[in-house]
Amino acid sequence: MEGRFKPSPNMVTLYRLYVLIVVAPIALVGCVITWIVYISSPDLTWVAALLFSIPIIAVVAFLSYWI
């Protein structure tokens, strides 16, 4: 039953490529925004870092588990 809901082995590479294509620009934007927040207000840097990193980590973790 478990193998029934898994993607085809041929599609795993494609899923990983799509995740990389989507996550890399989002992570780059998150790093730039965190750096801008660090320059303007160093005390709030952790808030910006958490707001951008937690959703990305959650999505990548879910897709890694599913694939």
N, C-alpha and C. Protein backbone atom coordinates (compact mmCIF):
# COMPACT_ATOMS: atom_id res chain seq x y z
N MET A 1 0.82 -1.20 0.00
CA MET A 1 0.00 0.00 0.00
C MET A 1 0.87 1.26 0.00
N GLU A 2 2.00 1.23 0.70
CA GLU A 2 2.83 2.42 0.79
C GLU A 2 3.43 2.79 -0.56
N GLY A 3 3.88 1.82 -1.33
CA GLY A 3 4.47 2.09 -2.63
C GLY A 3 3.48 2.67 -3.62
N ARG A 4 2.23 2.49 -3.37
CA ARG A 4 1.19 2.96 -4.28
C ARG A 4 1.11 4.48 -4.33
N PHE A 5 1.42 5.13 -3.23
CA PHE A 5 1.31 6.58 -3.15
C PHE A 5 2.64 7.29 -3.41
N LYS A 6 3.68 6.53 -3.67
CA LYS A 6 4.99 7.12 -3.99
C LYS A 6 5.04 7.48 -5.47
N PRO A 7 5.82 8.51 -5.82
CA PRO A 7 5.96 8.85 -7.24
C PRO A 7 6.82 7.82 -7.96
N SER A 8 6.72 7.83 -9.25
CA SER A 8 7.51 6.93 -10.08
C SER A 8 9.00 7.23 -9.88
N PRO A 9 9.85 6.21 -9.90
CA PRO A 9 11.29 6.46 -9.75
C PRO A 9 11.83 7.40 -10.83
N ASN A 10 11.22 7.40 -11.99
CA ASN A 10 11.66 8.30 -13.06
C ASN A 10 11.33 9.76 -12.76
N MET A 11 10.32 9.98 -11.93
CA MET A 11 9.89 11.34 -11.62
C MET A 11 10.64 11.95 -10.44
N VAL A 12 11.34 11.14 -9.66
CA VAL A 12 12.04 11.65 -8.48
C VAL A 12 13.06 12.71 -8.86
N THR A 13 13.82 12.46 -9.91
CA THR A 13 14.82 13.44 -10.36
C THR A 13 14.15 14.74 -10.80
N LEU A 14 13.04 14.62 -11.49
CA LEU A 14 12.31 15.81 -11.93
C LEU A 14 11.78 16.60 -10.75
N TYR A 15 11.23 15.93 -9.74
CA TYR A 15 10.74 16.62 -8.55
C TYR A 15 11.88 17.36 -7.85
N ARG A 16 13.02 16.70 -7.72
CA ARG A 16 14.16 17.34 -7.05
C ARG A 16 14.65 18.55 -7.83
N LEU A 17 14.64 18.46 -9.14
CA LEU A 17 15.03 19.60 -9.96
C LEU A 17 14.05 20.76 -9.79
N TYR A 18 12.76 20.47 -9.78
CA TYR A 18 11.76 21.52 -9.56
C TYR A 18 11.92 22.16 -8.20
N VAL A 19 12.17 21.35 -7.17
CA VAL A 19 12.38 21.90 -5.82
C VAL A 19 13.58 22.83 -5.82
N LEU A 20 14.67 22.42 -6.47
CA LEU A 20 15.86 23.25 -6.54
C LEU A 20 15.58 24.56 -7.28
N ILE A 21 14.86 24.47 -8.40
CA ILE A 21 14.56 25.66 -9.19
C ILE A 21 13.68 26.63 -8.41
N VAL A 22 12.78 26.12 -7.59
CA VAL A 22 11.89 27.00 -6.83
C VAL A 22 12.54 27.49 -5.54
N VAL A 23 13.21 26.60 -4.83
CA VAL A 23 13.74 26.95 -3.50
C VAL A 23 14.97 27.85 -3.59
N ALA A 24 15.82 27.66 -4.58
CA ALA A 24 17.05 28.46 -4.67
C ALA A 24 16.76 29.96 -4.78
N PRO A 25 15.88 30.42 -5.68
CA PRO A 25 15.60 31.87 -5.71
C PRO A 25 14.92 32.39 -4.45
N ILE A 26 14.02 31.58 -3.88
CA ILE A 26 13.34 32.01 -2.65
C ILE A 26 14.35 32.13 -1.51
N ALA A 27 15.27 31.18 -1.41
CA ALA A 27 16.31 31.25 -0.37
C ALA A 27 17.23 32.44 -0.59
N LEU A 28 17.55 32.73 -1.83
CA LEU A 28 18.40 33.89 -2.13
C LEU A 28 17.71 35.19 -1.73
N VAL A 29 16.43 35.32 -2.06
CA VAL A 29 15.67 36.51 -1.67
C VAL A 29 15.60 36.61 -0.15
N GLY A 30 15.39 35.48 0.52
CA GLY A 30 15.36 35.48 1.98
C GLY A 30 16.67 35.93 2.59
N CYS A 31 17.79 35.49 2.01
CA CYS A 31 19.10 35.93 2.50
C CYS A 31 19.32 37.42 2.29
N VAL A 32 18.91 37.92 1.14
CA VAL A 32 19.06 39.36 0.86
C VAL A 32 18.21 40.18 1.82
N ILE A 33 16.96 39.76 2.02
CA ILE A 33 16.09 40.51 2.93
C ILE A 33 16.61 40.44 4.36
N THR A 34 17.09 39.27 4.77
CA THR A 34 17.67 39.16 6.11
C THR A 34 18.89 40.07 6.27
N TRP A 35 19.71 40.16 5.24
CA TRP A 35 20.87 41.05 5.27
C TRP A 35 20.44 42.51 5.36
N ILE A 36 19.40 42.89 4.61
CA ILE A 36 18.90 44.27 4.67
C ILE A 36 18.35 44.58 6.06
N VAL A 37 17.63 43.62 6.65
CA VAL A 37 17.12 43.82 8.00
C VAL A 37 18.28 43.93 8.99
N TYR A 38 19.32 43.14 8.79
CA TYR A 38 20.49 43.20 9.67
C TYR A 38 21.15 44.57 9.62
N ILE A 39 21.22 45.15 8.44
CA ILE A 39 21.83 46.48 8.30
C ILE A 39 20.99 47.53 9.01
N SER A 40 19.67 47.46 8.84
CA SER A 40 18.81 48.51 9.40
C SER A 40 18.49 48.29 10.88
N SER A 41 18.30 47.04 11.28
CA SER A 41 17.94 46.77 12.67
C SER A 41 18.45 45.38 13.07
N PRO A 42 19.65 45.29 13.59
CA PRO A 42 20.24 43.99 13.92
C PRO A 42 19.44 43.17 14.93
N ASP A 43 18.66 43.84 15.77
CA ASP A 43 17.89 43.11 16.78
C ASP A 43 16.77 42.27 16.17
N LEU A 44 16.27 42.66 15.02
CA LEU A 44 15.16 41.95 14.39
C LEU A 44 15.60 40.95 13.32
N THR A 45 16.88 40.71 13.21
CA THR A 45 17.38 39.81 12.17
C THR A 45 16.84 38.40 12.34
N TRP A 46 16.76 37.92 13.56
CA TRP A 46 16.29 36.55 13.78
C TRP A 46 14.84 36.39 13.36
N VAL A 47 14.03 37.44 13.49
CA VAL A 47 12.63 37.37 13.06
C VAL A 47 12.55 37.20 11.55
N ALA A 48 13.31 37.99 10.83
CA ALA A 48 13.31 37.88 9.37
C ALA A 48 13.85 36.53 8.92
N ALA A 49 14.89 36.06 9.58
CA ALA A 49 15.46 34.75 9.22
C ALA A 49 14.46 33.63 9.45
N LEU A 50 13.74 33.68 10.56
CA LEU A 50 12.74 32.65 10.84
C LEU A 50 11.57 32.71 9.87
N LEU A 51 11.11 33.92 9.56
CA LEU A 51 9.97 34.05 8.66
C LEU A 51 10.27 33.51 7.26
N PHE A 52 11.49 33.59 6.83
CA PHE A 52 11.84 33.10 5.50
C PHE A 52 12.32 31.66 5.51
N SER A 53 12.92 31.20 6.59
CA SER A 53 13.51 29.86 6.56
C SER A 53 12.55 28.75 6.97
N ILE A 54 11.66 29.01 7.91
CA ILE A 54 10.76 27.95 8.38
C ILE A 54 9.85 27.41 7.28
N PRO A 55 9.18 28.25 6.48
CA PRO A 55 8.35 27.69 5.40
C PRO A 55 9.15 26.92 4.36
N ILE A 56 10.34 27.40 4.04
CA ILE A 56 11.17 26.71 3.06
C ILE A 56 11.60 25.35 3.60
N ILE A 57 12.02 25.30 4.84
CA ILE A 57 12.43 24.04 5.45
C ILE A 57 11.26 23.07 5.52
N ALA A 58 10.07 23.57 5.86
CA ALA A 58 8.90 22.70 5.94
C ALA A 58 8.55 22.09 4.59
N VAL A 59 8.57 22.89 3.54
CA VAL A 59 8.24 22.39 2.21
C VAL A 59 9.28 21.38 1.73
N VAL A 60 10.54 21.69 1.90
CA VAL A 60 11.59 20.77 1.46
C VAL A 60 11.55 19.48 2.27
N ALA A 61 11.29 19.57 3.56
CA ALA A 61 11.20 18.36 4.39
C ALA A 61 10.02 17.49 3.96
N PHE A 62 8.87 18.11 3.70
CA PHE A 62 7.71 17.34 3.26
C PHE A 62 7.97 16.65 1.93
N LEU A 63 8.52 17.40 0.98
CA LEU A 63 8.80 16.80 -0.33
C LEU A 63 9.87 15.72 -0.25
N SER A 64 10.87 15.92 0.59
CA SER A 64 11.90 14.89 0.76
C SER A 64 11.32 13.63 1.37
N TYR A 65 10.41 13.78 2.32
CA TYR A 65 9.76 12.62 2.93
C TYR A 65 8.88 11.91 1.92
N TRP A 66 8.15 12.67 1.12
CA TRP A 66 7.22 12.09 0.16
C TRP A 66 7.95 11.40 -0.97
N ILE A 67 9.04 12.02 -1.44
CA ILE A 67 9.79 11.44 -2.55
C ILE A 67 10.55 10.24 -2.03
